[in-house]
Amino acid sequence: MAAVREDLPQGRYGRSADEHADRRLRRLGAVLGALLVALVAWFGYHYVVDRSVSGELIKFKRISDSRVEAHLEVRKDRDATGSCTLRSLAESGAEVGRKDVRFEAGGTRIDTVVTIRTTESATSTELVGCTTD
């Protein structure tokens, strides 16, 4: 009985195509993984650390079919100026009112009640966002 050899002799015929493809896939995976980590770190930094202004809609109250009062609280750097945008929505989801609330430098916290005029009865009000100049 003769022994049957199933594999080619090691290193005799060069690297197989499968090994070459595996190496390329590992490199590609490492590069894509590093890019994903860098992207998550960049978004995380700008979301958590690089915020000089943030706003919060505390509550809103429909005064009439054409007016809504919104209680807005803004936290900011002492020297930051900018604005926060509020919008009111009808029951259908359509925007019926919008207002930009400006804030100037000085103080780190602004607590204000804003009146938003609406084109029809509003059922909700939301803070779209705050930006600095």
Protein backbone atom coordinates (compact mmCIF):
# COMPACT_ATOMS: atom_id res chain seq x y z
CA MET A 1 0.00 0.00 0.00
CA ALA A 2 1.29 3.31 -1.02
CA ALA A 3 0.61 6.46 0.96
CA VAL A 4 -1.49 8.94 -0.96
CA ARG A 5 -0.41 12.55 -0.71
CA GLU A 6 -3.33 15.00 -0.72
CA ASP A 7 -1.54 18.35 -0.36
CA LEU A 8 1.11 19.86 -2.57
CA PRO A 9 4.57 20.17 -1.07
CA GLN A 10 4.78 23.27 1.15
CA GLY A 11 6.32 26.31 -0.58
CA ARG A 12 7.16 24.50 -3.80
CA TYR A 13 4.62 26.09 -6.13
CA GLY A 14 4.30 29.58 -4.63
CA ARG A 15 1.41 31.09 -2.73
CA SER A 16 -2.08 29.90 -3.58
CA ALA A 17 -4.71 32.31 -4.88
CA ASP A 18 -6.82 31.79 -1.75
CA GLU A 19 -4.03 32.95 0.56
CA HIS A 20 -3.48 36.04 -1.57
CA ALA A 21 -7.21 36.87 -1.50
CA ASP A 22 -7.36 36.31 2.27
CA ARG A 23 -4.49 38.72 2.82
CA ARG A 24 -6.15 41.41 0.67
CA LEU A 25 -9.45 40.97 2.51
CA ARG A 26 -7.72 41.31 5.89
CA ARG A 27 -6.03 44.53 4.77
CA LEU A 28 -9.28 45.92 3.40
CA GLY A 29 -11.08 45.00 6.62
CA ALA A 30 -8.42 46.71 8.73
CA VAL A 31 -8.61 49.90 6.65
CA LEU A 32 -12.41 50.00 6.73
CA GLY A 33 -12.41 49.30 10.48
CA ALA A 34 -9.96 52.14 11.11
CA LEU A 35 -12.08 54.50 9.01
CA LEU A 36 -15.22 53.52 10.94
CA VAL A 37 -13.51 54.14 14.29
CA ALA A 38 -12.25 57.54 13.07
CA LEU A 39 -15.73 58.51 11.83
CA VAL A 40 -17.41 57.53 15.12
CA ALA A 41 -14.75 59.44 17.09
CA TRP A 42 -15.24 62.55 14.92
CA PHE A 43 -19.02 62.52 15.33
CA GLY A 44 -18.71 61.82 19.04
CA TYR A 45 -16.30 64.72 19.56
CA HIS A 46 -18.51 67.20 17.73
CA TYR A 47 -21.65 65.96 19.46
CA VAL A 48 -20.31 65.93 23.02
CA VAL A 49 -17.31 68.25 23.29
CA ASP A 50 -17.64 70.87 20.58
CA ARG A 51 -21.05 72.18 21.60
CA SER A 52 -21.02 75.83 22.48
CA VAL A 53 -24.84 76.09 22.54
CA SER A 54 -27.67 73.70 23.32
CA GLY A 55 -31.37 74.31 23.71
CA GLU A 56 -34.28 72.52 25.28
CA LEU A 57 -38.00 73.03 24.81
CA ILE A 58 -39.36 72.75 28.34
CA LYS A 59 -43.06 72.96 27.47
CA PHE A 60 -45.52 74.55 25.09
CA LYS A 61 -49.09 75.71 25.42
CA ARG A 62 -51.64 76.49 22.71
CA ILE A 63 -53.07 79.90 23.56
CA SER A 64 -55.47 80.13 20.60
CA ASP A 65 -55.88 78.77 17.08
CA SER A 66 -53.30 81.31 15.92
CA ARG A 67 -50.78 81.40 18.81
CA VAL A 68 -48.58 79.03 20.80
CA GLU A 69 -46.40 79.87 23.79
CA ALA A 70 -43.17 77.89 24.11
CA HIS A 71 -40.87 77.80 27.16
CA LEU A 72 -37.29 77.64 25.83
CA GLU A 73 -34.11 77.13 27.80
CA VAL A 74 -30.71 77.74 26.17
CA ARG A 75 -27.29 76.87 27.62
CA LYS A 76 -24.32 78.47 25.92
CA ASP A 77 -20.82 79.83 26.31
CA ARG A 78 -20.71 83.32 27.83
CA ASP A 79 -19.53 84.97 24.60
CA ALA A 80 -21.69 82.94 22.17
CA THR A 81 -24.35 84.59 20.01
CA GLY A 82 -26.79 82.82 17.73
CA SER A 83 -30.34 81.58 17.43
CA CYS A 84 -32.67 78.68 18.13
CA THR A 85 -35.45 77.66 15.74
CA LEU A 86 -38.86 76.52 16.98
CA ARG A 87 -41.68 75.19 14.83
CA SER A 88 -45.31 74.35 15.46
CA LEU A 89 -47.11 71.49 13.74
CA ALA A 90 -50.77 70.85 12.98
CA GLU A 91 -52.43 67.51 13.68
CA SER A 92 -51.72 66.50 10.06
CA GLY A 93 -47.99 67.02 10.63
CA ALA A 94 -47.82 70.14 8.46
CA GLU A 95 -45.77 73.04 9.74
CA VAL A 96 -48.07 75.91 10.72
CA GLY A 97 -45.63 78.20 12.52
CA ARG A 98 -41.90 78.85 12.79
CA LYS A 99 -39.84 81.28 14.83
CA ASP A 100 -36.12 81.99 15.20
CA VAL A 101 -35.20 83.14 18.70
CA ARG A 102 -31.98 85.21 18.79
CA PHE A 103 -29.66 85.31 21.77
CA GLU A 104 -26.75 87.64 22.41
CA ALA A 105 -23.45 87.33 24.29
CA GLY A 106 -23.50 87.45 28.06
CA GLY A 107 -24.73 84.87 30.51
CA THR A 108 -24.53 81.12 30.13
CA ARG A 109 -28.23 80.31 30.50
CA ILE A 110 -31.28 81.88 28.89
CA ASP A 111 -34.76 80.95 30.09
CA THR A 112 -37.53 82.57 28.05
CA VAL A 113 -41.14 82.17 26.94
CA VAL A 114 -41.69 82.78 23.22
CA THR A 115 -44.96 83.34 21.35
CA ILE A 116 -45.21 81.67 17.95
CA ARG A 117 -47.89 82.84 15.51
CA THR A 118 -49.52 79.99 13.60
CA THR A 119 -51.60 79.80 10.43
CA GLU A 120 -53.97 77.22 11.95
CA SER A 121 -54.40 75.34 15.21
CA ALA A 122 -51.14 73.72 16.35
CA THR A 123 -51.06 70.42 18.22
CA SER A 124 -47.31 70.26 18.89
CA THR A 125 -44.24 72.45 19.01
CA GLU A 126 -40.65 71.31 18.66
CA LEU A 127 -37.14 72.71 18.85
CA VAL A 128 -35.53 72.29 15.45
CA GLY A 129 -32.05 73.25 16.67
CA CYS A 130 -29.72 75.95 17.91
CA THR A 131 -26.74 77.44 16.10
CA THR A 132 -24.06 80.00 16.83
CA ASP A 133 -23.08 82.89 14.58
